[in-house]
């Protein structure tokens, strides 16, 4: 992996108690990787903390309003594609994803297009107990059974993508929110007949800060799963389709970035600032 260009992307919201130590540990385990921090309008000290870190491998994007985990993950994918990375590793900002697993995740990615850190395969461990454990187990079971995916873990964002494979995704269809987007990406990769593997991790409970997962997330995700399945029944996804969201040639006139997602026909949203463009040319 030493000759590969790796981007480690972290979406953060109100994680000022964790972000500095997390960046430090990531650098210990993967010193040559670039780190992308997407700050989703945190009203804490996240920005000030990151601005004090002097590191040429660290990229910081601050969004002027809360746009959500799904769009942040999509932004990290577009960033990895635009700047020609070989691999994209994504993880949470609260230390639930132990940085010590980064080397083995990247190692396995050398021969596999998609690697996910699993809480459920043999050798894995999760600190979740009680209701949270039940919801987590049930959510994974329903998602993988409904979509007929053999992996035991498909909802966590502790994963590594081959950017070469990411380029083949039908981005205009990646419009799910939150953790549902992660499930949809796995499903599309299955459709592309990619080699998908999982490795055991220790999923830790956060020591600092509060969970930001919406209370209704399981219901939102269930609805998104139904939409995915119905669309699969009613139409075939065209993986050869040229879609505008993959084109970085037009620039947002508000934040001057070039990362857009399709909202509906001829209407696009900037993934950095949220500004809507009425068509791909203006």
C-alpha atoms as a PDB file:
ATOM      1  CA  UNK A   1       0.000   0.000   0.000  1.00  0.00           C
ATOM      2  CA  UNK A   2       3.060   2.271   0.316  1.00  0.00           C
ATOM      3  CA  UNK A   3       2.933   3.072  -3.419  1.00  0.00           C
ATOM      4  CA  UNK A   4      -0.815   3.728  -3.428  1.00  0.00           C
ATOM      5  CA  UNK A   5      -2.464   7.078  -2.881  1.00  0.00           C
ATOM      6  CA  UNK A   6      -4.824   6.768   0.097  1.00  0.00           C
ATOM      7  CA  UNK A   7      -7.456   9.200   1.366  1.00  0.00           C
ATOM      8  CA  UNK A   8      -8.895   8.754   4.869  1.00  0.00           C
ATOM      9  CA  UNK A   9     -12.163  10.687   5.140  1.00  0.00           C
ATOM     10  CA  UNK A  10     -13.885  11.623   8.393  1.00  0.00           C
ATOM     11  CA  UNK A  11     -17.285  13.290   8.631  1.00  0.00           C
ATOM     12  CA  UNK A  12     -17.606  15.168  11.894  1.00  0.00           C
ATOM     13  CA  UNK A  13     -20.321  16.986  13.796  1.00  0.00           C
ATOM     14  CA  UNK A  14     -19.650  18.302  17.311  1.00  0.00           C
ATOM     15  CA  UNK A  15     -16.645  16.030  17.920  1.00  0.00           C
ATOM     16  CA  UNK A  16     -14.212  18.601  19.336  1.00  0.00           C
ATOM     17  CA  UNK A  17     -13.436  16.275  22.264  1.00  0.00           C
ATOM     18  CA  UNK A  18     -12.230  13.543  19.921  1.00  0.00           C
ATOM     19  CA  UNK A  19     -10.951  15.053  16.678  1.00  0.00           C
ATOM     20  CA  UNK A  20      -7.407  16.044  17.684  1.00  0.00           C
ATOM     21  CA  UNK A  21      -6.547  12.675  19.229  1.00  0.00           C
ATOM     22  CA  UNK A  22      -8.198  10.842  16.347  1.00  0.00           C
ATOM     23  CA  UNK A  23      -6.088  12.647  13.745  1.00  0.00           C
ATOM     24  CA  UNK A  24      -2.971  11.907  15.783  1.00  0.00           C
ATOM     25  CA  UNK A  25      -3.739   8.182  15.972  1.00  0.00           C
ATOM     26  CA  UNK A  26      -4.572   7.963  12.276  1.00  0.00           C
ATOM     27  CA  UNK A  27      -1.187   9.493  11.468  1.00  0.00           C
ATOM     28  CA  UNK A  28       0.488   6.887  13.687  1.00  0.00           C
ATOM     29  CA  UNK A  29      -1.155   3.976  11.888  1.00  0.00           C
ATOM     30  CA  UNK A  30      -1.113   5.407   8.360  1.00  0.00           C
ATOM     31  CA  UNK A  31       1.499   8.197   8.221  1.00  0.00           C
ATOM     32  CA  UNK A  32       1.514   8.611   4.438  1.00  0.00           C
ATOM     33  CA  UNK A  33      -2.240   8.837   3.906  1.00  0.00           C
ATOM     34  CA  UNK A  34      -4.049  12.114   3.328  1.00  0.00           C
ATOM     35  CA  UNK A  35      -6.793  12.946   5.821  1.00  0.00           C
ATOM     36  CA  UNK A  36      -9.974  14.736   4.755  1.00  0.00           C
ATOM     37  CA  UNK A  37     -12.085  16.272   7.528  1.00  0.00           C
ATOM     38  CA  UNK A  38     -15.630  17.289   6.563  1.00  0.00           C
ATOM     39  CA  UNK A  39     -17.053  19.446   9.344  1.00  0.00           C
ATOM     40  CA  UNK A  40     -20.841  19.513   9.154  1.00  0.00           C
ATOM     41  CA  UNK A  41     -21.409  22.934  10.731  1.00  0.00           C
ATOM     42  CA  UNK A  42     -20.274  21.994  14.240  1.00  0.00           C
ATOM     43  CA  UNK A  43     -21.025  24.702  16.788  1.00  0.00           C
ATOM     44  CA  UNK A  44     -18.145  23.658  19.055  1.00  0.00           C
ATOM     45  CA  UNK A  45     -14.348  24.106  18.867  1.00  0.00           C
ATOM     46  CA  UNK A  46     -13.748  21.638  16.011  1.00  0.00           C
ATOM     47  CA  UNK A  47     -12.656  24.293  13.517  1.00  0.00           C
ATOM     48  CA  UNK A  48     -10.298  26.025  15.965  1.00  0.00           C
ATOM     49  CA  UNK A  49      -8.695  22.725  16.960  1.00  0.00           C
ATOM     50  CA  UNK A  50      -8.067  21.628  13.373  1.00  0.00           C
ATOM     51  CA  UNK A  51      -6.719  25.047  12.360  1.00  0.00           C
ATOM     52  CA  UNK A  52      -3.984  24.641  14.972  1.00  0.00           C
ATOM     53  CA  UNK A  53      -2.784  21.370  13.409  1.00  0.00           C
ATOM     54  CA  UNK A  54       0.046  21.932  10.973  1.00  0.00           C
ATOM     55  CA  UNK A  55       0.064  19.023   8.534  1.00  0.00           C
ATOM     56  CA  UNK A  56       0.313  19.187   4.749  1.00  0.00           C
ATOM     57  CA  UNK A  57      -1.528  15.852   4.503  1.00  0.00           C
ATOM     58  CA  UNK A  58      -4.599  17.241   6.263  1.00  0.00           C
ATOM     59  CA  UNK A  59      -7.464  18.752   4.234  1.00  0.00           C
ATOM     60  CA  UNK A  60     -10.314  20.556   5.965  1.00  0.00           C
ATOM     61  CA  UNK A  61     -13.719  21.327   4.455  1.00  0.00           C
ATOM     62  CA  UNK A  62     -16.256  23.233   6.534  1.00  0.00           C
ATOM     63  CA  UNK A  63     -19.884  23.252   5.496  1.00  0.00           C
ATOM     64  CA  UNK A  64     -21.924  26.366   6.359  1.00  0.00           C
ATOM     65  CA  UNK A  65     -24.924  24.332   7.483  1.00  0.00           C
ATOM     66  CA  UNK A  66     -25.705  20.781   8.572  1.00  0.00           C
ATOM     67  CA  UNK A  67     -26.160  18.744   5.398  1.00  0.00           C
ATOM     68  CA  UNK A  68     -26.005  15.260   6.910  1.00  0.00           C
ATOM     69  CA  UNK A  69     -23.867  12.127   6.938  1.00  0.00           C
ATOM     70  CA  UNK A  70     -25.015  10.829   3.556  1.00  0.00           C
ATOM     71  CA  UNK A  71     -23.965  13.914   1.601  1.00  0.00           C
ATOM     72  CA  UNK A  72     -20.689  14.075   3.550  1.00  0.00           C
ATOM     73  CA  UNK A  73     -19.896  10.500   2.541  1.00  0.00           C
ATOM     74  CA  UNK A  74     -20.781  11.252  -1.057  1.00  0.00           C
ATOM     75  CA  UNK A  75     -18.548  14.324  -0.929  1.00  0.00           C
ATOM     76  CA  UNK A  76     -15.618  12.195   0.250  1.00  0.00           C
ATOM     77  CA  UNK A  77     -16.166   9.830  -2.691  1.00  0.00           C
ATOM     78  CA  UNK A  78     -16.177  12.677  -5.208  1.00  0.00           C
ATOM     79  CA  UNK A  79     -13.085  14.181  -3.591  1.00  0.00           C
ATOM     80  CA  UNK A  80     -11.221  10.865  -3.888  1.00  0.00           C
ATOM     81  CA  UNK A  81     -12.204  10.563  -7.551  1.00  0.00           C
ATOM     82  CA  UNK A  82     -11.381  14.145  -8.508  1.00  0.00           C
ATOM     83  CA  UNK A  83      -7.915  14.056  -6.957  1.00  0.00           C
ATOM     84  CA  UNK A  84      -7.023  10.618  -8.307  1.00  0.00           C
ATOM     85  CA  UNK A  85      -6.695   8.571  -5.127  1.00  0.00           C
ATOM     86  CA  UNK A  86      -6.322   4.804  -5.365  1.00  0.00           C
ATOM     87  CA  UNK A  87      -8.222   3.999  -2.171  1.00  0.00           C
ATOM     88  CA  UNK A  88     -10.748   5.758   0.031  1.00  0.00           C
ATOM     89  CA  UNK A  89     -11.064   4.767   3.691  1.00  0.00           C
ATOM     90  CA  UNK A  90     -13.976   6.238   5.645  1.00  0.00           C
ATOM     91  CA  UNK A  91     -14.513   6.166   9.397  1.00  0.00           C
ATOM     92  CA  UNK A  92     -16.453   7.839  12.202  1.00  0.00           C
ATOM     93  CA  UNK A  93     -15.037  10.664  14.288  1.00  0.00           C
ATOM     94  CA  UNK A  94     -16.000   9.354  17.745  1.00  0.00           C
ATOM     95  CA  UNK A  95     -13.395   6.555  18.159  1.00  0.00           C
ATOM     96  CA  UNK A  96     -16.024   3.844  17.713  1.00  0.00           C
ATOM     97  CA  UNK A  97     -13.851   2.885  14.750  1.00  0.00           C
ATOM     98  CA  UNK A  98     -10.485   2.053  16.275  1.00  0.00           C
ATOM     99  CA  UNK A  99      -7.660   3.503  14.103  1.00  0.00           C
ATOM    100  CA  UNK A 100      -5.527   0.445  14.927  1.00  0.00           C
ATOM    101  CA  UNK A 101      -7.555  -1.470  12.311  1.00  0.00           C
ATOM    102  CA  UNK A 102      -6.522   0.882   9.493  1.00  0.00           C
ATOM    103  CA  UNK A 103      -3.394  -1.070   8.415  1.00  0.00           C
ATOM    104  CA  UNK A 104      -5.233  -4.389   7.999  1.00  0.00           C
ATOM    105  CA  UNK A 105      -8.167  -2.723   6.219  1.00  0.00           C
ATOM    106  CA  UNK A 106      -5.782  -1.133   3.711  1.00  0.00           C
ATOM    107  CA  UNK A 107      -3.797  -4.348   3.360  1.00  0.00           C
ATOM    108  CA  UNK A 108      -6.901  -6.343   2.477  1.00  0.00           C
ATOM    109  CA  UNK A 109      -7.962  -3.629   0.022  1.00  0.00           C
ATOM    110  CA  UNK A 110      -4.908  -4.356  -2.135  1.00  0.00           C
ATOM    111  CA  UNK A 111      -6.659  -7.450  -3.518  1.00  0.00           C
ATOM    112  CA  UNK A 112     -10.309  -6.597  -2.880  1.00  0.00           C
ATOM    113  CA  UNK A 113     -12.440  -3.773  -4.271  1.00  0.00           C
ATOM    114  CA  UNK A 114     -14.345  -3.286  -1.018  1.00  0.00           C
ATOM    115  CA  UNK A 115     -13.405  -4.069   2.578  1.00  0.00           C
ATOM    116  CA  UNK A 116     -15.623  -3.358   5.574  1.00  0.00           C
ATOM    117  CA  UNK A 117     -14.800  -3.496   9.267  1.00  0.00           C
ATOM    118  CA  UNK A 118     -17.353  -5.908  10.694  1.00  0.00           C
ATOM    119  CA  UNK A 119     -18.914  -6.071  14.153  1.00  0.00           C
ATOM    120  CA  UNK A 120     -20.570  -9.386  13.390  1.00  0.00           C
ATOM    121  CA  UNK A 121     -18.149 -11.762  11.672  1.00  0.00           C
ATOM    122  CA  UNK A 122     -16.036 -14.321  13.539  1.00  0.00           C
ATOM    123  CA  UNK A 123     -13.493 -12.664  15.823  1.00  0.00           C
ATOM    124  CA  UNK A 124     -15.329  -9.327  15.967  1.00  0.00           C
ATOM    125  CA  UNK A 125     -16.423  -7.515  19.105  1.00  0.00           C
ATOM    126  CA  UNK A 126     -18.913  -4.735  19.814  1.00  0.00           C
ATOM    127  CA  UNK A 127     -19.306  -2.668  22.981  1.00  0.00           C
ATOM    128  CA  UNK A 128     -22.973  -2.062  22.227  1.00  0.00           C
ATOM    129  CA  UNK A 129     -25.378  -3.563  24.757  1.00  0.00           C
ATOM    130  CA  UNK A 130     -29.124  -3.664  25.358  1.00  0.00           C
ATOM    131  CA  UNK A 131     -31.405  -1.767  22.985  1.00  0.00           C
ATOM    132  CA  UNK A 132     -28.589  -0.307  20.869  1.00  0.00           C
ATOM    133  CA  UNK A 133     -27.176  -3.780  20.257  1.00  0.00           C
ATOM    134  CA  UNK A 134     -30.634  -5.082  19.326  1.00  0.00           C
ATOM    135  CA  UNK A 135     -31.251  -2.239  16.872  1.00  0.00           C
ATOM    136  CA  UNK A 136     -27.789  -2.627  15.326  1.00  0.00           C
ATOM    137  CA  UNK A 137     -28.137  -6.397  14.886  1.00  0.00           C
ATOM    138  CA  UNK A 138     -31.685  -6.142  13.565  1.00  0.00           C
ATOM    139  CA  UNK A 139     -30.825  -3.349  11.133  1.00  0.00           C
ATOM    140  CA  UNK A 140     -27.963  -5.298   9.616  1.00  0.00           C
ATOM    141  CA  UNK A 141     -29.982  -8.516   9.411  1.00  0.00           C
ATOM    142  CA  UNK A 142     -32.946  -6.864   7.694  1.00  0.00           C
ATOM    143  CA  UNK A 143     -30.747  -4.925   5.228  1.00  0.00           C
ATOM    144  CA  UNK A 144     -28.576  -7.827   4.113  1.00  0.00           C
ATOM    145  CA  UNK A 145     -31.525 -10.265   3.971  1.00  0.00           C
ATOM    146  CA  UNK A 146     -33.753  -7.863   2.039  1.00  0.00           C
ATOM    147  CA  UNK A 147     -31.038  -7.086  -0.499  1.00  0.00           C
ATOM    148  CA  UNK A 148     -29.559 -10.597  -0.528  1.00  0.00           C
ATOM    149  CA  UNK A 149     -26.051  -9.506   0.443  1.00  0.00           C
ATOM    150  CA  UNK A 150     -23.846 -12.205   1.966  1.00  0.00           C
ATOM    151  CA  UNK A 151     -21.817  -9.918   4.225  1.00  0.00           C
ATOM    152  CA  UNK A 152     -22.757  -9.955   7.925  1.00  0.00           C
ATOM    153  CA  UNK A 153     -21.991  -6.217   8.199  1.00  0.00           C
ATOM    154  CA  UNK A 154     -23.172  -3.649   5.662  1.00  0.00           C
ATOM    155  CA  UNK A 155     -24.238  -0.554   7.638  1.00  0.00           C
ATOM    156  CA  UNK A 156     -21.043   0.740   9.245  1.00  0.00           C
ATOM    157  CA  UNK A 157     -18.970   3.391   7.475  1.00  0.00           C
ATOM    158  CA  UNK A 158     -15.647   1.883   8.574  1.00  0.00           C
ATOM    159  CA  UNK A 159     -14.704   0.681   5.104  1.00  0.00           C
ATOM    160  CA  UNK A 160     -12.228   0.926   2.236  1.00  0.00           C
ATOM    161  CA  UNK A 161     -13.179   1.417  -1.404  1.00  0.00           C
ATOM    162  CA  UNK A 162     -11.161   0.971  -4.542  1.00  0.00           C
ATOM    163  CA  UNK A 163     -11.606   4.352  -6.216  1.00  0.00           C
ATOM    164  CA  UNK A 164     -11.393   2.625  -9.577  1.00  0.00           C
ATOM    165  CA  UNK A 165     -14.603   0.793  -8.683  1.00  0.00           C
ATOM    166  CA  UNK A 166     -16.256   3.884  -7.201  1.00  0.00           C
ATOM    167  CA  UNK A 167     -15.978   5.531 -10.616  1.00  0.00           C
ATOM    168  CA  UNK A 168     -18.394   2.919 -11.988  1.00  0.00           C
ATOM    169  CA  UNK A 169     -21.235   3.743  -9.592  1.00  0.00           C
ATOM    170  CA  UNK A 170     -24.407   5.394 -10.971  1.00  0.00           C
ATOM    171  CA  UNK A 171     -24.024   8.534  -8.866  1.00  0.00           C
ATOM    172  CA  UNK A 172     -27.357  10.040  -9.846  1.00  0.00           C
ATOM    173  CA  UNK A 173     -28.981   7.114  -8.035  1.00  0.00           C
ATOM    174  CA  UNK A 174     -27.030   7.621  -4.810  1.00  0.00           C
ATOM    175  CA  UNK A 175     -29.652   9.816  -3.194  1.00  0.00           C
ATOM    176  CA  UNK A 176     -30.285   7.939   0.072  1.00  0.00           C
ATOM    177  CA  UNK A 177     -29.523   9.644   3.382  1.00  0.00           C
ATOM    178  CA  UNK A 178     -27.441   8.752   6.430  1.00  0.00           C
ATOM    179  CA  UNK A 179     -26.492   5.112   6.852  1.00  0.00           C
ATOM    180  CA  UNK A 180     -28.871   4.097   4.073  1.00  0.00           C
ATOM    181  CA  UNK A 181     -26.425   5.519   1.536  1.00  0.00           C
ATOM    182  CA  UNK A 182     -23.721   3.163   2.784  1.00  0.00           C
ATOM    183  CA  UNK A 183     -26.045   0.196   2.341  1.00  0.00           C
ATOM    184  CA  UNK A 184     -26.994   1.327  -1.147  1.00  0.00           C
ATOM    185  CA  UNK A 185     -23.337   1.613  -2.173  1.00  0.00           C
ATOM    186  CA  UNK A 186     -22.675  -1.954  -1.009  1.00  0.00           C
ATOM    187  CA  UNK A 187     -25.691  -3.122  -2.989  1.00  0.00           C
ATOM    188  CA  UNK A 188     -24.494  -1.349  -6.149  1.00  0.00           C
ATOM    189  CA  UNK A 189     -21.061  -2.915  -5.722  1.00  0.00           C
ATOM    190  CA  UNK A 190     -22.693  -6.308  -5.518  1.00  0.00           C
ATOM    191  CA  UNK A 191     -24.466  -5.487  -8.794  1.00  0.00           C
ATOM    192  CA  UNK A 192     -21.063  -4.675 -10.269  1.00  0.00           C
ATOM    193  CA  UNK A 193     -19.878  -8.139  -9.167  1.00  0.00           C
ATOM    194  CA  UNK A 194     -17.121  -6.633  -7.029  1.00  0.00           C
ATOM    195  CA  UNK A 195     -15.214  -8.731  -4.530  1.00  0.00           C
ATOM    196  CA  UNK A 196     -16.677  -7.707  -1.150  1.00  0.00           C
ATOM    197  CA  UNK A 197     -15.066  -8.845   2.088  1.00  0.00           C
ATOM    198  CA  UNK A 198     -15.343  -8.083   5.801  1.00  0.00           C
ATOM    199  CA  UNK A 199     -12.743  -8.290   8.537  1.00  0.00           C
ATOM    200  CA  UNK A 200     -13.378  -8.438  12.289  1.00  0.00           C
ATOM    201  CA  UNK A 201     -12.991  -5.254  14.304  1.00  0.00           C
ATOM    202  CA  UNK A 202     -13.600  -4.136  17.861  1.00  0.00           C
ATOM    203  CA  UNK A 203     -16.435  -1.633  17.595  1.00  0.00           C
ATOM    204  CA  UNK A 204     -16.036   0.610  20.620  1.00  0.00           C
ATOM    205  CA  UNK A 205     -18.536   2.780  22.423  1.00  0.00           C
ATOM    206  CA  UNK A 206     -17.591   6.445  22.482  1.00  0.00           C
ATOM    207  CA  UNK A 207     -15.760   7.676  25.576  1.00  0.00           C
ATOM    208  CA  UNK A 208     -16.425  11.381  24.958  1.00  0.00           C
ATOM    209  CA  UNK A 209     -19.248  13.400  23.415  1.00  0.00           C
ATOM    210  CA  UNK A 210     -22.776  12.307  22.535  1.00  0.00           C
ATOM    211  CA  UNK A 211     -24.154  10.114  19.771  1.00  0.00           C
ATOM    212  CA  UNK A 212     -25.604  12.034  16.798  1.00  0.00           C
ATOM    213  CA  UNK A 213     -27.575   9.132  15.269  1.00  0.00           C
ATOM    214  CA  UNK A 214     -31.212  10.252  14.752  1.00  0.00           C
ATOM    215  CA  UNK A 215     -33.746   8.357  16.877  1.00  0.00           C
ATOM    216  CA  UNK A 216     -35.824   7.609  13.787  1.00  0.00           C
ATOM    217  CA  UNK A 217     -32.839   6.355  11.767  1.00  0.00           C
ATOM    218  CA  UNK A 218     -34.035   2.734  11.706  1.00  0.00           C
ATOM    219  CA  UNK A 219     -37.389   3.796  10.206  1.00  0.00           C
ATOM    220  CA  UNK A 220     -35.723   6.107   7.669  1.00  0.00           C
ATOM    221  CA  UNK A 221     -33.351   3.321   6.655  1.00  0.00           C
ATOM    222  CA  UNK A 222     -36.202   0.810   6.347  1.00  0.00           C
ATOM    223  CA  UNK A 223     -38.036   3.139   3.952  1.00  0.00           C
ATOM    224  CA  UNK A 224     -34.862   3.654   1.908  1.00  0.00           C
ATOM    225  CA  UNK A 225     -34.380  -0.120   1.667  1.00  0.00           C
ATOM    226  CA  UNK A 226     -37.904  -0.469   0.304  1.00  0.00           C
ATOM    227  CA  UNK A 227     -37.200   2.213  -2.306  1.00  0.00           C
ATOM    228  CA  UNK A 228     -33.982   0.448  -3.368  1.00  0.00           C
ATOM    229  CA  UNK A 229     -35.798  -2.862  -3.796  1.00  0.00           C
ATOM    230  CA  UNK A 230     -38.747  -1.370  -5.677  1.00  0.00           C
ATOM    231  CA  UNK A 231     -36.465   0.514  -8.063  1.00  0.00           C
ATOM    232  CA  UNK A 232     -34.573  -2.698  -8.731  1.00  0.00           C
ATOM    233  CA  UNK A 233     -37.829  -4.447  -9.603  1.00  0.00           C
ATOM    234  CA  UNK A 234     -39.174  -1.646 -11.791  1.00  0.00           C
ATOM    235  CA  UNK A 235     -36.027  -0.743 -13.709  1.00  0.00           C
ATOM    236  CA  UNK A 236     -32.471  -1.777 -14.439  1.00  0.00           C
ATOM    237  CA  UNK A 237     -29.749   0.570 -13.321  1.00  0.00           C
ATOM    238  CA  UNK A 238     -27.540   1.683 -16.174  1.00  0.00           C
ATOM    239  CA  UNK A 239     -23.953   1.522 -14.952  1.00  0.00           C
ATOM    240  CA  UNK A 240     -22.698   2.846 -18.290  1.00  0.00           C
ATOM    241  CA  UNK A 241     -24.765   6.000 -18.046  1.00  0.00           C
ATOM    242  CA  UNK A 242     -22.837   9.268 -18.168  1.00  0.00           C
ATOM    243  CA  UNK A 243     -24.176  11.368 -15.303  1.00  0.00           C
ATOM    244  CA  UNK A 244     -23.561  15.021 -14.571  1.00  0.00           C
ATOM    245  CA  UNK A 245     -22.573  14.562 -10.930  1.00  0.00           C
ATOM    246  CA  UNK A 246     -19.395  12.837 -12.043  1.00  0.00           C
ATOM    247  CA  UNK A 247     -18.418  15.912 -14.040  1.00  0.00           C
ATOM    248  CA  UNK A 248     -16.280  18.366 -12.052  1.00  0.00           C
ATOM    249  CA  UNK A 249     -16.177  21.024 -14.769  1.00  0.00           C
ATOM    250  CA  UNK A 250     -18.790  23.377 -13.304  1.00  0.00           C
ATOM    251  CA  UNK A 251     -18.073  25.426 -10.198  1.00  0.00           C
ATOM    252  CA  UNK A 252     -20.307  26.558  -7.356  1.00  0.00           C
ATOM    253  CA  UNK A 253     -20.479  30.362  -7.465  1.00  0.00           C
ATOM    254  CA  UNK A 254     -20.922  30.481  -3.685  1.00  0.00           C
ATOM    255  CA  UNK A 255     -18.094  28.312  -2.300  1.00  0.00           C
ATOM    256  CA  UNK A 256     -16.072  27.763  -5.531  1.00  0.00           C
ATOM    257  CA  UNK A 257     -16.037  23.974  -5.141  1.00  0.00           C
ATOM    258  CA  UNK A 258     -17.024  21.498  -7.850  1.00  0.00           C
ATOM    259  CA  UNK A 259     -18.786  18.692  -5.973  1.00  0.00           C
ATOM    260  CA  UNK A 260     -22.476  18.388  -6.864  1.00  0.00           C
ATOM    261  CA  UNK A 261     -25.188  15.796  -6.365  1.00  0.00           C
ATOM    262  CA  UNK A 262     -28.311  15.442  -8.464  1.00  0.00           C
ATOM    263  CA  UNK A 263     -31.485  16.487  -6.609  1.00  0.00           C
ATOM    264  CA  UNK A 264     -33.854  15.970  -9.518  1.00  0.00           C
ATOM    265  CA  UNK A 265     -33.726  16.436 -13.278  1.00  0.00           C
ATOM    266  CA  UNK A 266     -31.510  19.415 -14.144  1.00  0.00           C
ATOM    267  CA  UNK A 267     -31.252  20.478 -10.496  1.00  0.00           C
ATOM    268  CA  UNK A 268     -28.057  19.960  -8.504  1.00  0.00           C
ATOM    269  CA  UNK A 269     -26.940  20.621  -4.929  1.00  0.00           C
ATOM    270  CA  UNK A 270     -23.415  21.591  -3.926  1.00  0.00           C
ATOM    271  CA  UNK A 271     -22.137  19.012  -1.437  1.00  0.00           C
ATOM    272  CA  UNK A 272     -19.983  21.598   0.336  1.00  0.00           C
ATOM    273  CA  UNK A 273     -22.310  24.572   0.868  1.00  0.00           C
ATOM    274  CA  UNK A 274     -25.717  23.209  -0.121  1.00  0.00           C
ATOM    275  CA  UNK A 275     -26.418  25.787  -2.848  1.00  0.00           C
ATOM    276  CA  UNK A 276     -28.844  24.613  -5.542  1.00  0.00           C
ATOM    277  CA  UNK A 277     -27.950  24.959  -9.236  1.00  0.00           C
ATOM    278  CA  UNK A 278     -30.857  24.871 -11.657  1.00  0.00           C
ATOM    279  CA  UNK A 279     -28.875  23.208 -14.403  1.00  0.00           C
ATOM    280  CA  UNK A 280     -25.394  21.891 -15.055  1.00  0.00           C
ATOM    281  CA  UNK A 281     -24.258  24.927 -17.008  1.00  0.00           C
ATOM    282  CA  UNK A 282     -24.908  27.839 -14.672  1.00  0.00           C
END
